[in-house]
Amino acid sequence: MCWVLFLFSIFSYFSPILSIDQECYMTVPEIANHFGYKSEVHLARTKDDYILELHRFPCAKNQQTCSSKKPAIFMQHGLLSDGFCYIPNMPEQSPGFVFADAGFDVWIANSRGTPASQKHVGFGPEDQRFWNFTWEQMSQFDLTASVDYVLRNTSQDFLYYMGHSQGTMIMFARLAENPEFGAKIRQFHALAPVATVSHIGGLFQLFGKKFLEYVEILLGRLPYTPLSIPKTIQQIISFFCSKFIMQDICTLDIGFIDGNEKQFNQSRVGVYLCHTPAATSVKDLQHWVQLVKSQKVAKFDYGIDGNIIEYGRSTPPEYDLSKIQTPTYLYWSKDDILADTQDIRETIWRQMNHTIAGSLEMPHYSHMDFVFGVNAAQELYPKIIENIRKDFDGWRKSKIHGF
């Protein structure tokens, strides 16, 4: 704690002369405008009264009017992240901008609890009730409200979904629990897919089961609270990590959690850390710890008594991925220590073999490289773009000819 206060005093004293990248102070729509992209802010209300902010890039760079006859793609971020993860680099390297320039109608999600979506009809983020959620509610409520909003506002029958990490889990859960929802998702592109996390690496592997026990005890004592870093502290970290001498140290610190990040734009590390990690609930992280221990894809475990009250049974219900019918494409790496290949084989492949439409290994990609990596714009996104274009063009032709 002392080092935080020390850094804060330095930052306060020198703040007039400290130079932090201007994107550090910008929202996703502001960053888009900064790079010449038209952006829109939309608000979607969930059935449990959260107000979610969606960010839209309807046109390519420097275009103000664009065709409405284009595929809509919905981009969903992962844990401790928000919509920024789809525009972290320069335009030609960031998936949100790459897809906009390729002729897509880009919609970027911000799940409940993230800075852009800390709104509720009945209470705000200062109220503990606000933080009573995990990815389970993001799947049940956020995803449904957001997808329905996009389809209404684009007059489309379906959209294409691209999720990263936890963003894949919430779609797996939604499609498993409500297969009819799959009619709204033409294709599901899963970057660094996670369902079970039995073989997770990083801190969990380093410290073993004892670490999980300590984390679970700690999180259990902090119910319904936010998991976030104060913005001022984040800006201090961003400032120091933007300096050349600190960039390798800062990326090493990130890799300690989710792997050796090989593809970061080192000059952007300060900007990354000004927006990442993004806020979520303590309960969300607690849910993930439960999954590591249980080795199952299940709803939140409230204990025997709590489960009986919540679910009418002593154990939390599991999600049956074999019920999923939506064509799904997996993008994975043996170097990803969070979305482990053994978990992918044992759960996703085994239960969804009939709906896996494609599987692509990305050699040497760590967990965050799928969205932050500068090489993905040449090695990964063009393959997804080509696949969607081919499908969308085929659908349009069949509609024209009445098939």
Protein backbone atom coordinates (compact mmCIF):
# COMPACT_ATOMS: atom_id res chain seq x y z
CA MET A 1 0.00 0.00 0.00
CA CYS A 2 2.90 2.34 0.75
CA TRP A 3 4.20 2.13 -2.81
CA VAL A 4 0.77 3.14 -4.14
CA LEU A 5 0.71 6.22 -1.92
CA PHE A 6 4.28 7.02 -2.95
CA LEU A 7 3.42 6.80 -6.66
CA PHE A 8 0.28 8.84 -6.09
CA SER A 9 2.25 11.64 -4.41
CA ILE A 10 4.74 11.68 -7.28
CA PHE A 11 1.93 11.75 -9.84
CA SER A 12 0.11 14.54 -8.01
CA TYR A 13 3.24 16.66 -7.75
CA PHE A 14 4.38 16.22 -11.33
CA SER A 15 0.97 15.83 -13.02
CA PRO A 16 1.20 19.17 -14.87
CA ILE A 17 4.33 18.00 -16.68
CA LEU A 18 3.74 14.24 -16.98
CA SER A 19 2.92 13.25 -20.52
CA ILE A 20 0.41 10.40 -20.89
CA ASP A 21 -0.92 9.35 -24.28
CA GLN A 22 -4.17 11.21 -24.95
CA GLU A 23 -5.97 7.93 -25.65
CA CYS A 24 -5.58 7.20 -21.95
CA TYR A 25 -8.32 9.73 -21.26
CA MET A 26 -10.56 8.72 -24.16
CA THR A 27 -13.54 6.38 -24.36
CA VAL A 28 -13.82 3.81 -27.15
CA PRO A 29 -16.02 6.09 -29.33
CA GLU A 30 -13.60 8.97 -28.77
CA ILE A 31 -10.64 6.82 -29.80
CA ALA A 32 -12.57 5.79 -32.92
CA ASN A 33 -13.25 9.42 -33.81
CA HIS A 34 -9.60 10.23 -33.12
CA PHE A 35 -8.58 7.75 -35.82
CA GLY A 36 -11.20 8.92 -38.32
CA TYR A 37 -14.02 6.42 -37.73
CA LYS A 38 -17.65 7.34 -37.31
CA SER A 39 -18.86 5.97 -33.98
CA GLU A 40 -22.19 5.67 -32.21
CA VAL A 41 -23.16 5.03 -28.59
CA HIS A 42 -26.25 2.89 -27.98
CA LEU A 43 -27.92 1.90 -24.72
CA ALA A 44 -29.55 -1.50 -24.20
CA ARG A 45 -31.65 -2.32 -21.14
CA THR A 46 -31.56 -5.84 -19.73
CA LYS A 47 -34.50 -7.66 -18.15
CA ASP A 48 -32.91 -7.17 -14.74
CA ASP A 49 -32.61 -3.41 -15.41
CA TYR A 50 -28.90 -2.93 -16.12
CA ILE A 51 -28.15 -0.33 -18.80
CA LEU A 52 -25.42 -1.49 -21.17
CA GLU A 53 -23.45 0.73 -23.51
CA LEU A 54 -22.83 -0.61 -27.00
CA HIS A 55 -20.34 1.02 -29.35
CA ARG A 56 -20.91 0.91 -33.07
CA PHE A 57 -18.60 1.58 -36.05
CA PRO A 58 -21.01 1.56 -39.02
CA CYS A 59 -18.53 2.74 -41.65
CA ALA A 60 -14.96 2.39 -42.82
CA LYS A 61 -12.36 5.01 -41.97
CA ASN A 62 -13.18 8.57 -43.09
CA GLN A 63 -16.66 7.55 -44.28
CA GLN A 64 -19.75 9.25 -42.88
CA THR A 65 -22.35 7.40 -44.93
CA CYS A 66 -22.23 3.71 -45.68
CA SER A 67 -24.35 0.88 -47.01
CA SER A 68 -26.85 -0.81 -44.74
CA LYS A 69 -26.48 -4.05 -46.71
CA LYS A 70 -23.51 -5.36 -44.81
CA PRO A 71 -22.97 -8.11 -42.23
CA ALA A 72 -23.25 -7.10 -38.58
CA ILE A 73 -20.55 -8.45 -36.31
CA PHE A 74 -20.87 -8.40 -32.52
CA MET A 75 -17.59 -8.35 -30.57
CA GLN A 76 -17.66 -9.50 -26.95
CA HIS A 77 -14.74 -8.95 -24.58
CA GLY A 78 -13.46 -11.23 -21.84
CA LEU A 79 -12.81 -11.10 -18.09
CA LEU A 80 -11.30 -7.88 -16.68
CA SER A 81 -11.66 -6.32 -20.10
CA ASP A 82 -14.14 -4.14 -22.00
CA GLY A 83 -14.74 -2.88 -25.52
CA PHE A 84 -11.27 -1.32 -25.62
CA CYS A 85 -9.76 -4.76 -26.21
CA TYR A 86 -11.04 -4.59 -29.80
CA ILE A 87 -9.28 -1.28 -30.58
CA PRO A 88 -6.02 -1.44 -28.55
CA ASN A 89 -3.56 -0.75 -31.36
CA MET A 90 -3.32 1.39 -34.46
CA PRO A 91 -6.32 1.06 -36.85
CA GLU A 92 -4.66 -1.41 -39.20
CA GLN A 93 -3.86 -3.67 -36.20
CA SER A 94 -7.10 -3.46 -34.17
CA PRO A 95 -9.94 -5.91 -34.91
CA GLY A 96 -12.73 -3.36 -34.44
CA PHE A 97 -11.22 -1.08 -37.08
CA VAL A 98 -10.00 -3.90 -39.35
CA PHE A 99 -13.54 -5.28 -39.62
CA ALA A 100 -15.04 -1.80 -40.15
CA ASP A 101 -12.61 -1.18 -43.01
CA ALA A 102 -13.50 -4.60 -44.45
CA GLY A 103 -17.13 -3.53 -44.84
CA PHE A 104 -18.70 -4.79 -41.60
CA ASP A 105 -21.19 -3.10 -39.32
CA VAL A 106 -19.20 -3.41 -36.09
CA TRP A 107 -20.91 -3.56 -32.68
CA ILE A 108 -18.73 -3.76 -29.56
CA ALA A 109 -20.14 -4.93 -26.23
CA ASN A 110 -19.45 -3.65 -22.74
CA SER A 111 -20.73 -6.07 -20.11
CA ARG A 112 -22.23 -4.97 -16.81
CA GLY A 113 -19.67 -3.59 -14.39
CA THR A 114 -17.27 -2.27 -17.02
CA PRO A 115 -16.67 1.51 -16.97
CA ALA A 116 -19.11 2.14 -19.83
CA SER A 117 -21.86 -0.04 -18.34
CA GLN A 118 -22.01 0.93 -14.68
CA LYS A 119 -25.67 1.93 -14.85
CA HIS A 120 -28.86 0.46 -13.42
CA VAL A 121 -32.46 1.67 -13.32
CA GLY A 122 -32.84 1.17 -9.55
CA PHE A 123 -29.36 1.73 -8.11
CA GLY A 124 -25.81 2.62 -9.06
CA PRO A 125 -22.35 1.06 -8.69
CA GLU A 126 -22.01 2.49 -5.17
CA ASP A 127 -24.71 0.02 -4.09
CA GLN A 128 -23.57 -3.55 -3.29
CA ARG A 129 -26.57 -4.96 -5.13
CA PHE A 130 -25.12 -3.67 -8.38
CA TRP A 131 -22.15 -6.07 -8.11
CA ASN A 132 -24.18 -9.22 -7.47
CA PHE A 133 -23.39 -10.90 -10.80
CA THR A 134 -21.03 -13.22 -12.65
CA TRP A 135 -20.61 -14.18 -16.30
CA GLU A 136 -23.79 -16.23 -15.77
CA GLN A 137 -25.91 -13.05 -15.69
CA MET A 138 -23.90 -11.59 -18.59
CA SER A 139 -24.93 -14.65 -20.58
CA GLN A 140 -28.55 -14.75 -19.48
CA PHE A 141 -29.34 -11.04 -19.57
CA ASP A 142 -26.58 -8.91 -21.16
CA LEU A 143 -26.03 -11.04 -24.23
CA THR A 144 -29.74 -11.44 -24.92
CA ALA A 145 -30.54 -7.74 -24.54
CA SER A 146 -27.53 -6.63 -26.60
CA VAL A 147 -28.04 -9.05 -29.50
CA ASP A 148 -31.77 -8.26 -29.66
CA TYR A 149 -30.97 -4.53 -29.65
CA VAL A 150 -28.50 -4.88 -32.54
CA LEU A 151 -30.93 -6.92 -34.63
CA ARG A 152 -33.73 -4.41 -34.07
CA ASN A 153 -31.55 -1.46 -35.01
CA THR A 154 -30.01 -3.05 -38.08
CA SER A 155 -33.20 -4.78 -39.31
CA GLN A 156 -31.14 -7.94 -39.68
CA ASP A 157 -32.36 -11.47 -39.08
CA PHE A 158 -29.03 -12.56 -37.58
CA LEU A 159 -25.53 -11.40 -36.74
CA TYR A 160 -22.02 -12.84 -36.59
CA TYR A 161 -20.52 -13.20 -33.13
CA MET A 162 -16.85 -12.94 -32.19
CA GLY A 163 -15.97 -13.51 -28.54
CA HIS A 164 -12.69 -13.64 -26.68
CA SER A 165 -12.06 -15.73 -23.55
CA GLN A 166 -14.98 -15.12 -21.15
CA GLY A 167 -16.75 -13.72 -24.20
CA THR A 168 -16.80 -17.27 -25.56
CA MET A 169 -18.02 -18.74 -22.28
CA ILE A 170 -21.09 -16.51 -22.10
CA MET A 171 -22.08 -17.55 -25.63
CA PHE A 172 -21.46 -21.24 -24.94
CA ALA A 173 -23.70 -20.92 -21.86
CA ARG A 174 -26.46 -19.01 -23.69
CA LEU A 175 -26.59 -21.41 -26.63
CA ALA A 176 -26.54 -24.43 -24.31
CA GLU A 177 -29.32 -23.08 -22.12
CA ASN A 178 -31.43 -21.66 -24.95
CA PRO A 179 -30.66 -23.35 -28.30
CA GLU A 180 -33.37 -21.25 -29.99
CA PHE A 181 -31.18 -18.21 -29.37
CA GLY A 182 -28.83 -19.75 -31.90
CA ALA A 183 -31.15 -18.71 -34.75
CA LYS A 184 -29.93 -15.14 -34.15
CA ILE A 185 -26.25 -16.13 -34.41
CA ARG A 186 -25.23 -17.04 -37.94
CA GLN A 187 -21.69 -18.00 -36.93
CA PHE A 188 -19.84 -18.09 -33.60
CA HIS A 189 -16.13 -17.25 -33.83
CA ALA A 190 -14.44 -18.19 -30.55
CA LEU A 191 -11.03 -16.63 -29.89
CA ALA A 192 -9.10 -18.35 -27.08
CA PRO A 193 -12.22 -20.37 -26.18
CA VAL A 194 -12.88 -21.37 -22.57
CA ALA A 195 -15.47 -23.65 -21.04
CA THR A 196 -13.89 -25.91 -18.44
CA VAL A 197 -10.66 -24.51 -17.00
CA SER A 198 -9.29 -27.66 -15.36
CA HIS A 199 -5.80 -27.32 -16.83
CA ILE A 200 -5.36 -23.57 -16.48
CA GLY A 201 -1.81 -22.26 -16.11
CA GLY A 202 -0.35 -18.97 -14.91
CA LEU A 203 -0.77 -18.07 -11.26
CA PHE A 204 -3.14 -20.99 -10.68
CA GLN A 205 -0.60 -23.54 -11.88
CA LEU A 206 2.32 -21.81 -10.16
CA PHE A 207 0.80 -21.80 -6.70
CA GLY A 208 -1.43 -24.85 -7.03
CA LYS A 209 -4.64 -25.76 -5.23
CA LYS A 210 -3.58 -24.01 -2.03
CA PHE A 211 -3.61 -20.73 -3.93
CA LEU A 212 -7.18 -21.42 -5.07
CA GLU A 213 -8.26 -22.07 -1.51
CA TYR A 214 -6.77 -18.79 -0.28
CA VAL A 215 -8.29 -16.85 -3.18
CA GLU A 216 -11.71 -18.38 -2.60
CA ILE A 217 -11.60 -17.51 1.11
CA LEU A 218 -10.54 -13.94 0.33
CA LEU A 219 -13.18 -13.43 -2.36
CA GLY A 220 -15.84 -14.96 -0.14
CA ARG A 221 -15.20 -12.23 2.40
CA LEU A 222 -15.76 -9.52 -0.19
CA PRO A 223 -19.24 -10.33 -1.51
CA TYR A 224 -20.95 -8.01 -3.97
CA THR A 225 -18.04 -5.61 -4.39
CA PRO A 226 -16.24 -4.32 -7.49
CA LEU A 227 -12.91 -5.70 -8.63
CA SER A 228 -11.15 -2.68 -10.12
CA ILE A 229 -8.16 -0.37 -9.97
CA PRO A 230 -8.79 3.34 -9.27
CA LYS A 231 -8.40 5.36 -12.47
CA THR A 232 -5.69 7.57 -10.97
CA ILE A 233 -3.58 4.55 -10.05
CA GLN A 234 -4.15 3.13 -13.52
CA GLN A 235 -2.89 6.37 -15.06
CA ILE A 236 0.22 6.28 -12.86
CA ILE A 237 0.95 2.72 -13.98
CA SER A 238 0.28 3.75 -17.57
CA PHE A 239 2.73 6.65 -17.33
CA PHE A 240 5.61 4.56 -16.02
CA CYS A 241 4.88 1.65 -18.37
CA SER A 242 4.85 3.98 -21.37
CA LYS A 243 8.55 4.66 -20.78
CA PHE A 244 10.85 2.55 -22.94
CA ILE A 245 12.87 1.22 -20.03
CA MET A 246 9.72 -0.10 -18.28
CA GLN A 247 7.82 -1.60 -21.22
CA ASP A 248 9.39 -5.07 -21.08
CA ILE A 249 8.91 -5.19 -17.31
CA CYS A 250 5.23 -4.26 -17.62
CA THR A 251 4.52 -6.85 -20.31
CA LEU A 252 6.36 -9.44 -18.21
CA ASP A 253 3.97 -8.61 -15.36
CA ILE A 254 0.98 -9.20 -17.66
CA GLY A 255 2.47 -12.46 -18.91
CA PHE A 256 2.88 -13.66 -15.32
CA ILE A 257 -0.91 -13.92 -15.22
CA ASP A 258 -1.85 -15.17 -18.68
CA GLY A 259 1.28 -16.14 -20.54
CA ASN A 260 4.23 -14.66 -22.38
CA GLU A 261 2.77 -11.90 -24.54
CA LYS A 262 4.82 -12.13 -27.75
CA GLN A 263 2.92 -9.78 -30.03
CA PHE A 264 2.25 -6.61 -28.06
CA ASN A 265 3.00 -3.28 -29.67
CA GLN A 266 5.53 -2.16 -27.08
CA SER A 267 4.91 1.51 -27.81
CA ARG A 268 1.25 1.01 -26.82
CA VAL A 269 1.79 -0.70 -23.46
CA GLY A 270 1.00 2.51 -21.56
CA VAL A 271 -2.31 2.82 -23.43
CA TYR A 272 -3.14 -0.85 -22.81
CA LEU A 273 -2.68 -0.48 -19.07
CA CYS A 274 -4.70 2.72 -18.90
CA HIS A 275 -7.79 0.75 -20.00
CA THR A 276 -6.92 -2.73 -18.79
CA PRO A 277 -7.84 -4.34 -16.45
CA ALA A 278 -11.42 -3.10 -16.62
CA ALA A 279 -13.79 -3.48 -13.70
CA THR A 280 -15.93 -6.50 -12.96
CA SER A 281 -17.42 -8.00 -9.80
CA VAL A 282 -15.54 -9.99 -7.19
CA LYS A 283 -18.27 -12.59 -7.60
CA ASP A 284 -17.37 -13.02 -11.28
CA LEU A 285 -13.78 -13.95 -10.42
CA GLN A 286 -15.05 -16.16 -7.60
CA HIS A 287 -17.18 -18.04 -10.15
CA TRP A 288 -14.08 -18.76 -12.25
CA VAL A 289 -12.20 -20.03 -9.21
CA GLN A 290 -15.10 -22.41 -8.55
CA LEU A 291 -14.85 -23.74 -12.12
CA VAL A 292 -11.13 -24.40 -11.78
CA LYS A 293 -11.80 -26.44 -8.65
CA SER A 294 -14.93 -28.26 -9.87
CA GLN A 295 -13.63 -28.92 -13.41
CA LYS A 296 -17.17 -28.36 -14.67
CA VAL A 297 -19.09 -25.80 -16.76
CA ALA A 298 -21.66 -24.89 -14.15
CA LYS A 299 -23.61 -22.04 -12.64
CA PHE A 300 -22.46 -20.26 -9.50
CA ASP A 301 -22.13 -22.50 -6.44
CA TYR A 302 -23.84 -20.98 -3.37
CA GLY A 303 -23.22 -24.02 -1.16
CA ILE A 304 -25.75 -26.76 -0.46
CA ASP A 305 -28.30 -24.58 1.33
CA GLY A 306 -27.88 -21.66 -1.05
CA ASN A 307 -28.14 -23.91 -4.11
CA ILE A 308 -31.40 -25.38 -2.86
CA ILE A 309 -32.80 -21.86 -2.48
CA GLU A 310 -31.44 -20.67 -5.84
CA TYR A 311 -31.82 -23.78 -8.01
CA GLY A 312 -34.01 -26.18 -6.03
CA ARG A 313 -31.15 -28.69 -5.85
CA SER A 314 -28.00 -29.18 -3.78
CA THR A 315 -25.53 -28.63 -6.64
CA PRO A 316 -25.42 -25.92 -9.31
CA PRO A 317 -26.77 -26.93 -12.75
CA GLU A 318 -24.23 -27.68 -15.45
CA TYR A 319 -24.35 -26.38 -19.02
CA ASP A 320 -24.72 -29.08 -21.67
CA LEU A 321 -22.70 -27.89 -24.66
CA SER A 322 -23.96 -30.80 -26.79
CA LYS A 323 -27.24 -28.88 -27.19
CA ILE A 324 -25.50 -26.14 -29.19
CA GLN A 325 -26.43 -26.13 -32.88
CA THR A 326 -24.77 -22.89 -34.04
CA PRO A 327 -21.80 -23.27 -36.45
CA THR A 328 -18.77 -22.57 -34.29
CA TYR A 329 -15.19 -21.75 -35.26
CA LEU A 330 -12.38 -22.20 -32.74
CA TYR A 331 -9.12 -20.23 -32.75
CA TRP A 332 -6.63 -21.51 -30.23
CA SER A 333 -2.95 -21.89 -29.38
CA LYS A 334 -0.79 -24.36 -27.51
CA ASP A 335 0.94 -21.36 -25.94
CA ASP A 336 -2.30 -20.09 -24.40
CA ILE A 337 -2.07 -21.08 -20.72
CA LEU A 338 -5.60 -19.93 -19.86
CA ALA A 339 -7.57 -21.48 -22.74
CA ASP A 340 -5.69 -24.75 -22.46
CA THR A 341 -5.84 -27.13 -25.43
CA GLN A 342 -6.61 -30.11 -23.17
CA ASP A 343 -9.69 -28.31 -21.82
CA ILE A 344 -10.74 -27.46 -25.38
CA ARG A 345 -10.42 -31.11 -26.43
CA GLU A 346 -12.08 -32.61 -23.35
CA THR A 347 -15.08 -30.26 -23.23
CA ILE A 348 -15.68 -28.15 -26.32
CA TRP A 349 -14.56 -30.65 -28.96
CA ARG A 350 -16.09 -33.64 -27.20
CA GLN A 351 -19.50 -32.08 -26.61
CA MET A 352 -19.72 -29.88 -29.71
CA ASN A 353 -18.06 -32.04 -32.36
CA HIS A 354 -21.22 -31.95 -34.52
CA THR A 355 -21.28 -28.13 -34.66
CA ILE A 356 -17.57 -27.28 -34.87
CA ALA A 357 -17.39 -25.79 -38.37
CA GLY A 358 -13.70 -24.95 -38.21
CA SER A 359 -10.66 -25.09 -35.95
CA LEU A 360 -7.49 -23.08 -36.44
CA GLU A 361 -4.35 -23.26 -34.36
CA MET A 362 -2.49 -19.96 -34.03
CA PRO A 363 1.13 -20.90 -33.24
CA HIS A 364 2.81 -18.94 -30.47
CA TYR A 365 -0.29 -16.89 -29.57
CA SER A 366 -0.73 -16.21 -25.87
CA HIS A 367 -4.18 -15.56 -24.41
CA MET A 368 -4.29 -11.81 -25.06
CA ASP A 369 -2.55 -11.96 -28.45
CA PHE A 370 -5.85 -12.91 -30.11
CA VAL A 371 -7.10 -9.34 -29.57
CA PHE A 372 -3.99 -7.33 -28.62
CA GLY A 373 -1.46 -9.03 -30.91
CA VAL A 374 -0.28 -6.95 -33.85
CA ASN A 375 0.17 -10.02 -36.10
CA ALA A 376 -3.47 -11.07 -35.79
CA ALA A 377 -4.47 -8.46 -38.38
CA GLN A 378 -2.55 -10.43 -41.02
CA GLU A 379 -2.75 -13.97 -39.67
CA LEU A 380 -6.18 -14.29 -38.03
CA TYR A 381 -8.77 -11.60 -38.83
CA PRO A 382 -8.58 -11.97 -42.65
CA LYS A 383 -9.55 -15.65 -42.30
CA ILE A 384 -12.62 -14.74 -40.22
CA ILE A 385 -13.53 -11.93 -42.62
CA GLU A 386 -13.27 -14.24 -45.65
CA ASN A 387 -15.39 -16.89 -43.97
CA ILE A 388 -18.15 -14.46 -43.02
CA ARG A 389 -18.16 -12.72 -46.42
CA LYS A 390 -18.54 -16.03 -48.20
CA ASP A 391 -21.43 -17.04 -45.94
CA PHE A 392 -23.16 -13.64 -46.09
CA ASP A 393 -22.87 -13.39 -49.88
CA GLY A 394 -24.25 -16.91 -50.21
CA TRP A 395 -27.17 -16.05 -47.95
CA ARG A 396 -27.95 -12.88 -49.95
CA LYS A 397 -27.90 -14.76 -53.25
CA SER A 398 -30.20 -17.46 -51.90
CA LYS A 399 -32.60 -14.79 -50.67
CA ILE A 400 -32.62 -13.03 -54.04
CA HIS A 401 -33.38 -16.27 -55.87
CA GLY A 402 -35.94 -17.31 -53.27
CA PHE A 403 -34.11 -20.41 -52.02
